[in-house]
Structures are given as structure tokens and as C-alpha cells.
Amino acid sequence: MEEIIREFPALRVTMERDKLANDEKSIQKILGILEENGISYDCITIHVDQLVFLIREADAPRFYQCMAELGKGLGLMDISMDRDVVMLCIEGKRLTWRGISMIVNCLTMQNIDVKMQ
């Protein structure tokens, strides 16, 4: 099987609210709205007060449209987005943690800031 590395322009979306990780219904609602609107997301990280994920830049217009829907019923939430993000997709290879670490180290040595993995 051939290895293919694909690069996608992406947005890093951070949603913040007090004790968000403890609110399972809100997280389910957020992810459900993304899925209902056909927005692919990846690299989910959940901290006590944050939900962080990547969406492809091509899905940004649909994401902006559903932001109002995300605000309904979820209460006050801060949403921020980083634009200069690239999502790498490595296909055709099963990576171990050591392989991932080697890729991250190579990128870091080239002064590429790895936001999440």
C-alpha cells in the first residue's frame, strides 16, 4: 500500500466555558450539530473548560452558518478560531506513538509549531 501525505488548510476552533468537560450533553450537542451540518472535524481535545477541534477550511462557511445554532441552548461560550493551521493526513500507514513522535520532532526542528496531534 502506498503512503500518501495530504495537507488540508484548516481552522483550529476553541470553545470555552466553565466546566465544559463535565457537561456531557453540551459536548454531544456541539458534535451533533457539526455532524448534522456535514462538517468534518478532527483532533478533538477536551480539557476542563475547553473543547478544541480542527475543521477543514473548506467547511468554514457551513461552520459559520451553524454557529448561531451552537449558541442556542448552550449558554454563554467563548469561541475562537486560528486560521493559519494545516492538517496533515497520513494515509496507507499505521503509525505507532514512536512514529508520531518522530514526525512531530522533525516538524519542530524545522520551526513548525505543532498545535495538536
N, C-alpha and C. Protein backbone atom coordinates (compact mmCIF):
# COMPACT_ATOMS: atom_id res chain seq x y z
N MET A 1 0.83 -1.18 0.00
CA MET A 1 0.00 0.00 0.00
C MET A 1 0.89 1.25 0.00
N GLU A 2 0.55 2.19 -0.83
CA GLU A 2 1.34 3.40 -0.98
C GLU A 2 1.03 4.41 0.13
N GLU A 3 2.09 5.02 0.66
CA GLU A 3 1.92 6.07 1.66
C GLU A 3 1.61 7.39 0.97
N ILE A 4 0.63 8.08 1.47
CA ILE A 4 0.26 9.37 0.91
C ILE A 4 0.13 10.35 2.07
N ILE A 5 0.76 11.50 1.93
CA ILE A 5 0.61 12.56 2.93
C ILE A 5 -0.17 13.68 2.27
N ARG A 6 -1.33 13.97 2.84
CA ARG A 6 -2.17 15.06 2.31
C ARG A 6 -2.17 16.22 3.30
N GLU A 7 -2.29 17.39 2.74
CA GLU A 7 -2.26 18.63 3.50
C GLU A 7 -3.57 19.37 3.26
N PHE A 8 -4.25 19.77 4.33
CA PHE A 8 -5.51 20.50 4.20
C PHE A 8 -5.43 21.79 4.99
N PRO A 9 -5.74 22.93 4.37
CA PRO A 9 -5.86 24.16 5.15
C PRO A 9 -7.00 23.95 6.15
N ALA A 10 -6.79 24.39 7.39
CA ALA A 10 -7.77 24.12 8.43
C ALA A 10 -7.94 25.30 9.36
N LEU A 11 -8.98 25.21 10.19
CA LEU A 11 -9.22 26.17 11.26
C LEU A 11 -9.15 25.40 12.58
N ARG A 12 -8.49 25.97 13.55
CA ARG A 12 -8.46 25.39 14.89
C ARG A 12 -9.49 26.14 15.71
N VAL A 13 -10.53 25.44 16.12
CA VAL A 13 -11.65 26.05 16.84
C VAL A 13 -11.54 25.69 18.32
N THR A 14 -11.61 26.71 19.17
CA THR A 14 -11.59 26.51 20.61
C THR A 14 -12.89 27.04 21.18
N MET A 15 -13.62 26.19 21.89
CA MET A 15 -14.85 26.60 22.57
C MET A 15 -14.58 26.51 24.06
N GLU A 16 -14.85 27.62 24.77
CA GLU A 16 -14.55 27.67 26.19
C GLU A 16 -15.77 28.07 27.00
N ARG A 17 -15.94 27.37 28.11
CA ARG A 17 -16.98 27.69 29.09
C ARG A 17 -16.60 26.98 30.38
N ASP A 18 -16.92 27.54 31.51
CA ASP A 18 -16.61 26.92 32.79
C ASP A 18 -17.13 25.49 32.85
N LYS A 19 -16.25 24.59 33.22
CA LYS A 19 -16.58 23.17 33.44
C LYS A 19 -17.26 22.51 32.24
N LEU A 20 -16.85 22.90 31.04
CA LEU A 20 -17.46 22.36 29.82
C LEU A 20 -17.30 20.84 29.73
N ALA A 21 -16.14 20.33 30.12
CA ALA A 21 -15.89 18.89 30.00
C ALA A 21 -16.83 18.07 30.89
N ASN A 22 -17.34 18.67 31.94
CA ASN A 22 -18.27 17.96 32.82
C ASN A 22 -19.70 17.98 32.30
N ASP A 23 -19.94 18.75 31.24
CA ASP A 23 -21.29 18.90 30.68
C ASP A 23 -21.40 18.03 29.42
N GLU A 24 -21.62 16.74 29.64
CA GLU A 24 -21.65 15.78 28.54
C GLU A 24 -22.71 16.12 27.49
N LYS A 25 -23.86 16.63 27.92
CA LYS A 25 -24.93 16.97 26.97
C LYS A 25 -24.51 18.09 26.02
N SER A 26 -23.79 19.08 26.54
CA SER A 26 -23.35 20.18 25.67
C SER A 26 -22.35 19.69 24.64
N ILE A 27 -21.43 18.84 25.05
CA ILE A 27 -20.43 18.31 24.11
C ILE A 27 -21.13 17.46 23.05
N GLN A 28 -22.08 16.64 23.46
CA GLN A 28 -22.84 15.84 22.49
C GLN A 28 -23.60 16.74 21.53
N LYS A 29 -24.18 17.82 22.04
CA LYS A 29 -24.93 18.74 21.18
C LYS A 29 -24.00 19.42 20.18
N ILE A 30 -22.84 19.88 20.63
CA ILE A 30 -21.88 20.54 19.74
C ILE A 30 -21.47 19.60 18.62
N LEU A 31 -21.03 18.39 18.98
CA LEU A 31 -20.58 17.43 17.97
C LEU A 31 -21.73 16.98 17.07
N GLY A 32 -22.94 16.86 17.64
CA GLY A 32 -24.11 16.50 16.84
C GLY A 32 -24.44 17.56 15.80
N ILE A 33 -24.35 18.84 16.17
CA ILE A 33 -24.61 19.93 15.23
C ILE A 33 -23.58 19.92 14.10
N LEU A 34 -22.32 19.67 14.44
CA LEU A 34 -21.29 19.59 13.40
C LEU A 34 -21.61 18.45 12.43
N GLU A 35 -21.95 17.30 12.97
CA GLU A 35 -22.26 16.15 12.11
C GLU A 35 -23.51 16.38 11.28
N GLU A 36 -24.56 16.96 11.87
CA GLU A 36 -25.80 17.24 11.12
C GLU A 36 -25.56 18.18 9.96
N ASN A 37 -24.61 19.09 10.11
CA ASN A 37 -24.30 20.07 9.06
C ASN A 37 -23.19 19.60 8.13
N GLY A 38 -22.78 18.34 8.27
CA GLY A 38 -21.78 17.76 7.36
C GLY A 38 -20.39 18.35 7.51
N ILE A 39 -20.06 18.81 8.71
CA ILE A 39 -18.76 19.43 8.96
C ILE A 39 -17.84 18.37 9.55
N SER A 40 -16.79 18.04 8.81
CA SER A 40 -15.79 17.08 9.30
C SER A 40 -14.93 17.76 10.33
N TYR A 41 -14.63 17.06 11.40
CA TYR A 41 -13.75 17.61 12.44
C TYR A 41 -12.77 16.53 12.85
N ASP A 42 -11.67 16.97 13.44
CA ASP A 42 -10.63 16.02 13.82
C ASP A 42 -9.85 16.56 15.01
N CYS A 43 -9.06 15.72 15.59
CA CYS A 43 -8.16 16.10 16.67
C CYS A 43 -8.88 16.74 17.84
N ILE A 44 -9.86 16.08 18.34
CA ILE A 44 -10.62 16.63 19.46
C ILE A 44 -9.79 16.53 20.73
N THR A 45 -9.74 17.63 21.46
CA THR A 45 -9.11 17.67 22.77
C THR A 45 -10.13 18.26 23.73
N ILE A 46 -10.37 17.60 24.82
CA ILE A 46 -11.31 18.12 25.81
C ILE A 46 -10.56 18.36 27.11
N HIS A 47 -10.55 19.61 27.55
CA HIS A 47 -9.97 19.98 28.84
C HIS A 47 -11.13 20.36 29.76
N VAL A 48 -10.85 20.74 30.97
CA VAL A 48 -11.90 21.07 31.92
C VAL A 48 -12.84 22.15 31.37
N ASP A 49 -12.27 23.20 30.79
CA ASP A 49 -13.09 24.33 30.32
C ASP A 49 -13.08 24.50 28.81
N GLN A 50 -12.46 23.57 28.06
CA GLN A 50 -12.29 23.76 26.62
C GLN A 50 -12.62 22.52 25.81
N LEU A 51 -13.12 22.78 24.61
CA LEU A 51 -13.25 21.78 23.57
C LEU A 51 -12.51 22.34 22.36
N VAL A 52 -11.51 21.62 21.87
CA VAL A 52 -10.69 22.10 20.76
C VAL A 52 -10.75 21.07 19.64
N PHE A 53 -11.01 21.55 18.41
CA PHE A 53 -11.05 20.64 17.27
C PHE A 53 -10.61 21.38 16.02
N LEU A 54 -10.28 20.61 14.99
CA LEU A 54 -9.92 21.16 13.69
C LEU A 54 -11.04 20.90 12.71
N ILE A 55 -11.31 21.88 11.88
CA ILE A 55 -12.21 21.68 10.75
C ILE A 55 -11.48 22.12 9.50
N ARG A 56 -11.81 21.50 8.40
CA ARG A 56 -11.19 21.91 7.13
C ARG A 56 -11.67 23.30 6.76
N GLU A 57 -10.78 24.08 6.19
CA GLU A 57 -11.13 25.44 5.79
C GLU A 57 -12.29 25.44 4.80
N ALA A 58 -12.39 24.39 4.00
CA ALA A 58 -13.50 24.29 3.03
C ALA A 58 -14.85 24.21 3.74
N ASP A 59 -14.86 23.73 5.00
CA ASP A 59 -16.12 23.62 5.76
C ASP A 59 -16.43 24.88 6.56
N ALA A 60 -15.55 25.88 6.50
CA ALA A 60 -15.73 27.09 7.30
C ALA A 60 -17.05 27.80 7.05
N PRO A 61 -17.50 27.99 5.78
CA PRO A 61 -18.79 28.67 5.58
C PRO A 61 -19.95 27.95 6.28
N ARG A 62 -19.97 26.63 6.22
CA ARG A 62 -21.04 25.88 6.92
C ARG A 62 -20.89 26.01 8.43
N PHE A 63 -19.65 26.07 8.92
CA PHE A 63 -19.43 26.23 10.35
C PHE A 63 -19.96 27.58 10.82
N TYR A 64 -19.66 28.65 10.05
CA TYR A 64 -20.15 29.98 10.42
C TYR A 64 -21.68 30.01 10.46
N GLN A 65 -22.33 29.31 9.52
CA GLN A 65 -23.78 29.28 9.49
C GLN A 65 -24.36 28.58 10.72
N CYS A 66 -23.68 27.56 11.21
CA CYS A 66 -24.25 26.83 12.35
C CYS A 66 -23.78 27.37 13.69
N MET A 67 -22.95 28.43 13.70
CA MET A 67 -22.51 29.00 14.97
C MET A 67 -23.68 29.53 15.79
N ALA A 68 -24.65 30.13 15.14
CA ALA A 68 -25.83 30.63 15.86
C ALA A 68 -26.57 29.47 16.51
N GLU A 69 -26.67 28.37 15.78
CA GLU A 69 -27.32 27.17 16.32
C GLU A 69 -26.54 26.62 17.51
N LEU A 70 -25.22 26.72 17.43
CA LEU A 70 -24.38 26.26 18.55
C LEU A 70 -24.61 27.12 19.78
N GLY A 71 -24.84 28.42 19.57
CA GLY A 71 -25.07 29.32 20.69
C GLY A 71 -26.39 29.09 21.41
N LYS A 72 -27.39 28.60 20.68
CA LYS A 72 -28.70 28.35 21.28
C LYS A 72 -28.62 27.18 22.25
N GLY A 73 -29.12 27.40 23.43
CA GLY A 73 -29.21 26.32 24.40
C GLY A 73 -27.91 25.89 25.04
N LEU A 74 -26.80 26.48 24.62
CA LEU A 74 -25.52 26.10 25.23
C LEU A 74 -25.04 27.15 26.23
N GLY A 75 -25.76 28.23 26.35
CA GLY A 75 -25.36 29.28 27.27
C GLY A 75 -24.19 30.07 26.73
N LEU A 76 -23.63 30.91 27.57
CA LEU A 76 -22.52 31.76 27.18
C LEU A 76 -21.27 30.92 26.96
N MET A 77 -20.69 31.06 25.79
CA MET A 77 -19.50 30.29 25.45
C MET A 77 -18.60 31.15 24.57
N ASP A 78 -17.30 31.14 24.85
CA ASP A 78 -16.33 31.85 24.01
C ASP A 78 -15.87 30.91 22.91
N ILE A 79 -15.91 31.40 21.67
CA ILE A 79 -15.45 30.61 20.53
C ILE A 79 -14.36 31.41 19.83
N SER A 80 -13.19 30.80 19.68
CA SER A 80 -12.11 31.47 18.96
C SER A 80 -11.59 30.52 17.88
N MET A 81 -11.00 31.13 16.84
CA MET A 81 -10.50 30.33 15.72
C MET A 81 -9.12 30.82 15.31
N ASP A 82 -8.24 29.87 15.06
CA ASP A 82 -6.92 30.16 14.49
C ASP A 82 -6.97 29.74 13.03
N ARG A 83 -6.56 30.64 12.13
CA ARG A 83 -6.67 30.37 10.70
C ARG A 83 -5.44 29.71 10.09
N ASP A 84 -4.26 30.07 10.49
CA ASP A 84 -3.06 29.59 9.81
C ASP A 84 -2.66 28.21 10.33
N VAL A 85 -3.53 27.25 10.04
CA VAL A 85 -3.33 25.88 10.51
C VAL A 85 -3.40 24.95 9.31
N VAL A 86 -2.56 23.94 9.31
CA VAL A 86 -2.58 22.93 8.26
C VAL A 86 -2.79 21.57 8.93
N MET A 87 -3.74 20.81 8.40
CA MET A 87 -3.98 19.47 8.90
C MET A 87 -3.25 18.49 7.98
N LEU A 88 -2.42 17.64 8.57
CA LEU A 88 -1.73 16.62 7.80
C LEU A 88 -2.45 15.29 7.97
N CYS A 89 -2.64 14.61 6.88
CA CYS A 89 -3.31 13.31 6.88
C CYS A 89 -2.35 12.31 6.24
N ILE A 90 -1.94 11.32 7.01
CA ILE A 90 -1.03 10.30 6.50
C ILE A 90 -1.84 9.03 6.26
N GLU A 91 -1.94 8.66 5.00
CA GLU A 91 -2.75 7.51 4.62
C GLU A 91 -1.86 6.34 4.21
N GLY A 92 -2.34 5.15 4.46
CA GLY A 92 -1.62 3.97 4.00
C GLY A 92 -0.54 3.50 4.94
N LYS A 93 -0.53 4.02 6.15
CA LYS A 93 0.50 3.62 7.12
C LYS A 93 -0.11 3.62 8.51
N ARG A 94 0.13 2.57 9.23
CA ARG A 94 -0.29 2.51 10.63
C ARG A 94 0.85 3.07 11.47
N LEU A 95 0.60 4.17 12.18
CA LEU A 95 1.65 4.82 12.95
C LEU A 95 1.60 4.41 14.41
N THR A 96 2.77 4.20 14.97
CA THR A 96 2.89 3.97 16.41
C THR A 96 3.14 5.32 17.06
N TRP A 97 3.12 5.35 18.40
CA TRP A 97 3.42 6.60 19.10
C TRP A 97 4.83 7.06 18.78
N ARG A 98 5.74 6.10 18.60
CA ARG A 98 7.12 6.45 18.26
C ARG A 98 7.18 7.13 16.88
N GLY A 99 6.42 6.61 15.91
CA GLY A 99 6.38 7.23 14.59
C GLY A 99 5.80 8.63 14.63
N ILE A 100 4.75 8.80 15.41
CA ILE A 100 4.14 10.13 15.55
C ILE A 100 5.15 11.08 16.19
N SER A 101 5.84 10.61 17.21
CA SER A 101 6.85 11.42 17.89
C SER A 101 7.95 11.84 16.93
N MET A 102 8.36 10.94 16.05
CA MET A 102 9.40 11.28 15.07
C MET A 102 8.93 12.36 14.11
N ILE A 103 7.68 12.27 13.66
CA ILE A 103 7.12 13.29 12.76
C ILE A 103 7.06 14.64 13.47
N VAL A 104 6.55 14.65 14.71
CA VAL A 104 6.45 15.89 15.47
C VAL A 104 7.83 16.50 15.70
N ASN A 105 8.80 15.66 16.05
CA ASN A 105 10.17 16.16 16.25
C ASN A 105 10.75 16.76 14.97
N CYS A 106 10.52 16.11 13.83
CA CYS A 106 11.01 16.63 12.55
C CYS A 106 10.38 17.98 12.24
N LEU A 107 9.09 18.11 12.46
CA LEU A 107 8.41 19.38 12.21
C LEU A 107 8.92 20.47 13.15
N THR A 108 9.10 20.11 14.42
CA THR A 108 9.59 21.07 15.41
C THR A 108 10.99 21.55 15.06
N MET A 109 11.84 20.65 14.58
CA MET A 109 13.20 21.03 14.21
C MET A 109 13.21 21.99 13.02
N GLN A 110 12.13 22.02 12.26
CA GLN A 110 12.02 22.94 11.13
C GLN A 110 11.24 24.21 11.51
N ASN A 111 11.11 24.45 12.83
CA ASN A 111 10.39 25.61 13.37
C ASN A 111 8.93 25.64 12.98
N ILE A 112 8.32 24.47 12.85
CA ILE A 112 6.89 24.38 12.60
C ILE A 112 6.22 24.07 13.92
N ASP A 113 5.33 24.96 14.33
CA ASP A 113 4.65 24.82 15.61
C ASP A 113 3.54 23.79 15.49
N VAL A 114 3.66 22.69 16.23
CA VAL A 114 2.64 21.64 16.22
C VAL A 114 1.65 21.97 17.33
N LYS A 115 0.42 22.28 16.93
CA LYS A 115 -0.61 22.69 17.89
C LYS A 115 -1.22 21.51 18.60
N MET A 116 -1.47 20.42 17.89
CA MET A 116 -2.07 19.23 18.50
C MET A 116 -1.75 18.05 17.63
N GLN A 117 -1.90 16.88 18.20
CA GLN A 117 -1.58 15.68 17.43
C GLN A 117 -2.55 14.58 17.77
